[in-house]
Amino acid sequence: INIVDGRTAFECSKQGDKTANAVVDRYVSYLAESLLNMFNIFRPEAFIIGGGISGQGEYLTKKIKFPSKMAYGKEMQEIYNKYKEKRAKLQK
């Protein structure tokens, strides 16, 4: 690999590379924690993730877990599900 960027980790992770999986899992952990912090501060109805990371689609969103013991976790999961349905309708 000559050029390594964020996409590289995701592509290798999708192919089962253990190191890439660890990198992606750590990134997703940081992302989920950041989203939760912003949710607790601003209480938005939804988060819109753009840029290159948004190209990972369901591979990324499936890795983001909302444990039931997390504050507002159930609310966040319901909002996510609501916007997932809207996004699916827009993509048709």
Protein backbone atom coordinates (compact mmCIF):
# COMPACT_ATOMS: atom_id res chain seq x y z
CA ILE A 1 0.00 0.00 0.00
CA ASN A 2 1.53 3.28 -1.11
CA ILE A 3 -1.05 5.70 0.24
CA VAL A 4 -2.66 5.19 3.63
CA ASP A 5 -5.66 7.23 4.72
CA GLY A 6 -8.87 6.74 6.67
CA ARG A 7 -10.40 4.78 3.83
CA THR A 8 -7.52 2.29 3.95
CA ALA A 9 -8.38 1.21 7.50
CA PHE A 10 -12.04 0.67 6.61
CA GLU A 11 -11.30 -1.22 3.40
CA CYS A 12 -8.81 -3.52 5.14
CA SER A 13 -11.22 -3.98 8.04
CA LYS A 14 -13.94 -5.09 5.62
CA GLN A 15 -11.50 -7.71 4.31
CA GLY A 16 -10.98 -9.07 7.82
CA ASP A 17 -7.59 -7.57 8.72
CA LYS A 18 -7.27 -7.77 12.52
CA THR A 19 -5.14 -4.64 12.90
CA ALA A 20 -7.49 -2.63 10.69
CA ASN A 21 -10.45 -3.92 12.71
CA ALA A 22 -8.80 -2.66 15.90
CA VAL A 23 -8.14 0.75 14.31
CA VAL A 24 -11.72 1.06 13.05
CA ASP A 25 -13.19 -0.11 16.35
CA ARG A 26 -11.14 2.47 18.26
CA TYR A 27 -12.17 5.20 15.81
CA VAL A 28 -15.84 4.22 16.13
CA SER A 29 -15.53 4.24 19.92
CA TYR A 30 -14.18 7.81 19.83
CA LEU A 31 -16.85 8.85 17.34
CA ALA A 32 -19.67 7.37 19.43
CA GLU A 33 -18.35 9.02 22.59
CA SER A 34 -18.13 12.37 20.80
CA LEU A 35 -21.65 12.04 19.43
CA LEU A 36 -22.98 11.17 22.86
CA ASN A 37 -21.23 14.17 24.40
CA MET A 38 -22.66 16.50 21.75
CA PHE A 39 -26.09 14.92 22.20
CA ASN A 40 -25.98 15.52 25.95
CA ILE A 41 -24.92 19.15 25.48
CA PHE A 42 -27.02 20.26 22.49
CA ARG A 43 -29.89 17.71 22.44
CA PRO A 44 -30.20 17.70 18.63
CA GLU A 45 -32.85 15.67 16.90
CA ALA A 46 -30.24 14.07 14.65
CA PHE A 47 -26.59 14.07 13.66
CA ILE A 48 -25.55 14.34 10.05
CA ILE A 49 -22.15 12.84 9.36
CA GLY A 50 -20.57 14.09 6.16
CA GLY A 51 -17.23 13.93 4.45
CA GLY A 52 -15.31 10.81 3.58
CA ILE A 53 -16.45 8.90 6.64
CA SER A 54 -20.06 9.10 5.51
CA GLY A 55 -19.13 6.92 2.53
CA GLN A 56 -18.77 3.95 4.88
CA GLY A 57 -22.55 3.85 5.27
CA GLU A 58 -23.97 0.91 7.18
CA TYR A 59 -20.54 -0.59 7.80
CA LEU A 60 -19.90 2.38 10.10
CA THR A 61 -23.37 2.72 11.62
CA LYS A 62 -23.61 -0.98 12.44
CA LYS A 63 -20.44 -0.67 14.51
CA ILE A 64 -21.83 2.21 16.59
CA LYS A 65 -23.51 0.63 19.58
CA PHE A 66 -25.78 2.37 22.06
CA PRO A 67 -25.71 0.35 25.30
CA SER A 68 -28.95 0.44 27.25
CA LYS A 69 -27.11 1.66 30.37
CA MET A 70 -25.88 4.73 28.46
CA ALA A 71 -27.67 7.96 29.32
CA TYR A 72 -30.16 8.76 26.58
CA GLY A 73 -29.06 5.62 24.70
CA LYS A 74 -32.61 4.52 23.95
CA GLU A 75 -33.56 7.97 22.69
CA MET A 76 -30.50 8.07 20.42
CA GLN A 77 -31.30 4.64 18.99
CA GLU A 78 -34.90 5.65 18.26
CA ILE A 79 -33.76 8.83 16.50
CA TYR A 80 -31.20 6.86 14.51
CA ASN A 81 -33.86 4.37 13.40
CA LYS A 82 -36.24 7.18 12.40
CA TYR A 83 -33.62 8.88 10.22
CA LYS A 84 -32.40 5.59 8.79
CA GLU A 85 -35.90 5.05 7.38
CA LYS A 86 -36.00 8.60 5.96
CA ARG A 87 -32.54 8.16 4.41
CA ALA A 88 -33.62 4.89 2.79
CA LYS A 89 -36.64 6.60 1.22
CA LEU A 90 -34.45 9.43 -0.15
CA GLN A 91 -31.99 6.97 -1.71
CA LYS A 92 -34.70 5.26 -3.79
